[in-house]
Amino acid sequence: MGLLERIICHNTLFYDTCYSLHGFTGFGSRSVMPVLKQRLIKDARPATQVMIDTYMAALGFTKTDQRGRFTNGTYEAWDLLPRNVLVDDEGDLYVVDAEIRKL
């Protein structure tokens, strides 16, 4: 699955931290790379793993045997660890970096 397909999966599941495409850049004529942006989550801190597990369960995902890996039968998401999920002062969680694939 390519980068843009993974971005579409992320935006489908985690619209609060959706990526937007701002343009393209590259190195000479060798490669073209997208420039992506997410909105800033102010005054956020890393979420705990318990918070992440609870949040993903509320979204209909089931934990797998690996820490930070979840599935709902349509998507598999992993690397959902405190370094990649933020929580704000109101307790809202924001997934800012996760690996996702459509099953």
Protein backbone atom coordinates (compact mmCIF):
# COMPACT_ATOMS: atom_id res chain seq x y z
CA MET A 1 0.00 0.00 0.00
CA GLY A 2 1.39 3.38 -0.97
CA LEU A 3 1.75 6.47 1.18
CA LEU A 4 -1.29 8.26 -0.18
CA GLU A 5 -3.46 5.17 0.34
CA ARG A 6 -2.27 5.00 3.98
CA ILE A 7 -3.10 8.71 4.39
CA ILE A 8 -6.63 8.06 3.12
CA CYS A 9 -6.99 5.23 5.67
CA HIS A 10 -5.74 7.53 8.45
CA ASN A 11 -8.13 10.31 7.44
CA THR A 12 -11.03 7.85 7.35
CA LEU A 13 -10.36 6.52 10.85
CA PHE A 14 -8.88 9.55 12.61
CA TYR A 15 -10.46 12.60 11.03
CA ASP A 16 -9.57 14.81 14.04
CA THR A 17 -5.94 14.58 12.92
CA CYS A 18 -6.45 14.26 9.21
CA TYR A 19 -3.60 14.99 6.86
CA SER A 20 -3.96 17.60 4.15
CA LEU A 21 -1.89 17.70 1.00
CA HIS A 22 -0.12 21.02 0.49
CA GLY A 23 1.98 20.25 -2.55
CA PHE A 24 4.88 18.25 -3.81
CA THR A 25 8.62 18.49 -3.56
CA GLY A 26 11.43 16.44 -4.99
CA PHE A 27 15.10 16.04 -5.67
CA GLY A 28 15.88 17.07 -9.20
CA SER A 29 14.15 14.79 -11.63
CA ARG A 30 14.68 11.67 -9.50
CA SER A 31 11.71 11.70 -7.12
CA VAL A 32 8.51 13.47 -6.20
CA MET A 33 7.34 13.53 -2.58
CA PRO A 34 4.10 14.91 -1.09
CA VAL A 35 4.15 17.66 1.52
CA LEU A 36 1.59 16.77 4.20
CA LYS A 37 0.29 18.72 7.18
CA GLN A 38 -1.72 17.99 10.33
CA ARG A 39 -3.26 20.56 12.62
CA LEU A 40 -1.46 21.40 15.86
CA ILE A 41 -2.90 19.86 19.03
CA LYS A 42 -2.14 22.52 21.65
CA ASP A 43 -1.19 21.67 25.23
CA ALA A 44 -1.16 17.94 24.49
CA ARG A 45 0.86 15.21 26.12
CA PRO A 46 1.38 11.52 25.32
CA ALA A 47 -1.64 9.36 26.12
CA THR A 48 -1.24 6.29 28.30
CA GLN A 49 -1.56 2.85 26.75
CA VAL A 50 -4.74 2.26 28.79
CA MET A 51 -6.25 5.44 27.29
CA ILE A 52 -5.28 4.31 23.79
CA ASP A 53 -6.69 0.79 24.29
CA THR A 54 -9.98 2.24 25.60
CA TYR A 55 -10.20 4.76 22.74
CA MET A 56 -9.63 2.11 20.08
CA ALA A 57 -12.21 -0.20 21.70
CA ALA A 58 -14.72 2.68 21.57
CA LEU A 59 -14.01 2.94 17.83
CA GLY A 60 -14.83 -0.77 17.41
CA PHE A 61 -11.28 -2.11 17.29
CA THR A 62 -10.01 -5.20 19.08
CA LYS A 63 -6.51 -5.49 20.55
CA THR A 64 -4.22 -8.08 19.06
CA ASP A 65 -1.43 -9.95 20.83
CA GLN A 66 1.00 -7.13 20.03
CA ARG A 67 1.01 -3.98 22.15
CA GLY A 68 -0.38 -1.03 20.19
CA ARG A 69 -1.87 -3.16 17.37
CA PHE A 70 -5.62 -3.26 16.70
CA THR A 71 -8.04 -4.56 14.09
CA ASN A 72 -11.71 -4.14 13.30
CA GLY A 73 -11.97 -6.63 10.44
CA THR A 74 -11.67 -3.89 7.80
CA TYR A 75 -8.53 -2.10 8.98
CA GLU A 76 -5.45 -3.02 10.95
CA ALA A 77 -3.71 -0.22 12.84
CA TRP A 78 -0.42 -0.50 14.70
CA ASP A 79 2.22 1.61 16.37
CA LEU A 80 -0.57 3.13 18.47
CA LEU A 81 1.72 3.83 21.39
CA PRO A 82 2.02 6.85 23.70
CA ARG A 83 4.60 8.47 21.43
CA ASN A 84 2.04 8.52 18.58
CA VAL A 85 -1.19 9.36 20.39
CA LEU A 86 -1.76 12.64 22.23
CA VAL A 87 -4.30 13.62 24.88
CA ASP A 88 -5.38 17.20 25.53
CA ASP A 89 -6.49 18.88 28.77
CA GLU A 90 -10.09 17.80 28.14
CA GLY A 91 -9.12 14.14 27.78
CA ASP A 92 -9.65 13.94 24.01
CA LEU A 93 -7.24 11.61 22.19
CA TYR A 94 -5.57 12.38 18.87
CA VAL A 95 -3.74 9.84 16.74
CA VAL A 96 -0.90 11.74 15.09
CA ASP A 97 1.21 8.92 13.73
CA ALA A 98 0.07 5.35 13.17
CA GLU A 99 0.56 2.62 10.63
CA ILE A 100 -2.71 1.57 9.01
CA ARG A 101 -3.65 -0.86 6.30
CA LYS A 102 -6.93 -1.96 4.80
CA LEU A 103 -7.50 -5.70 5.13
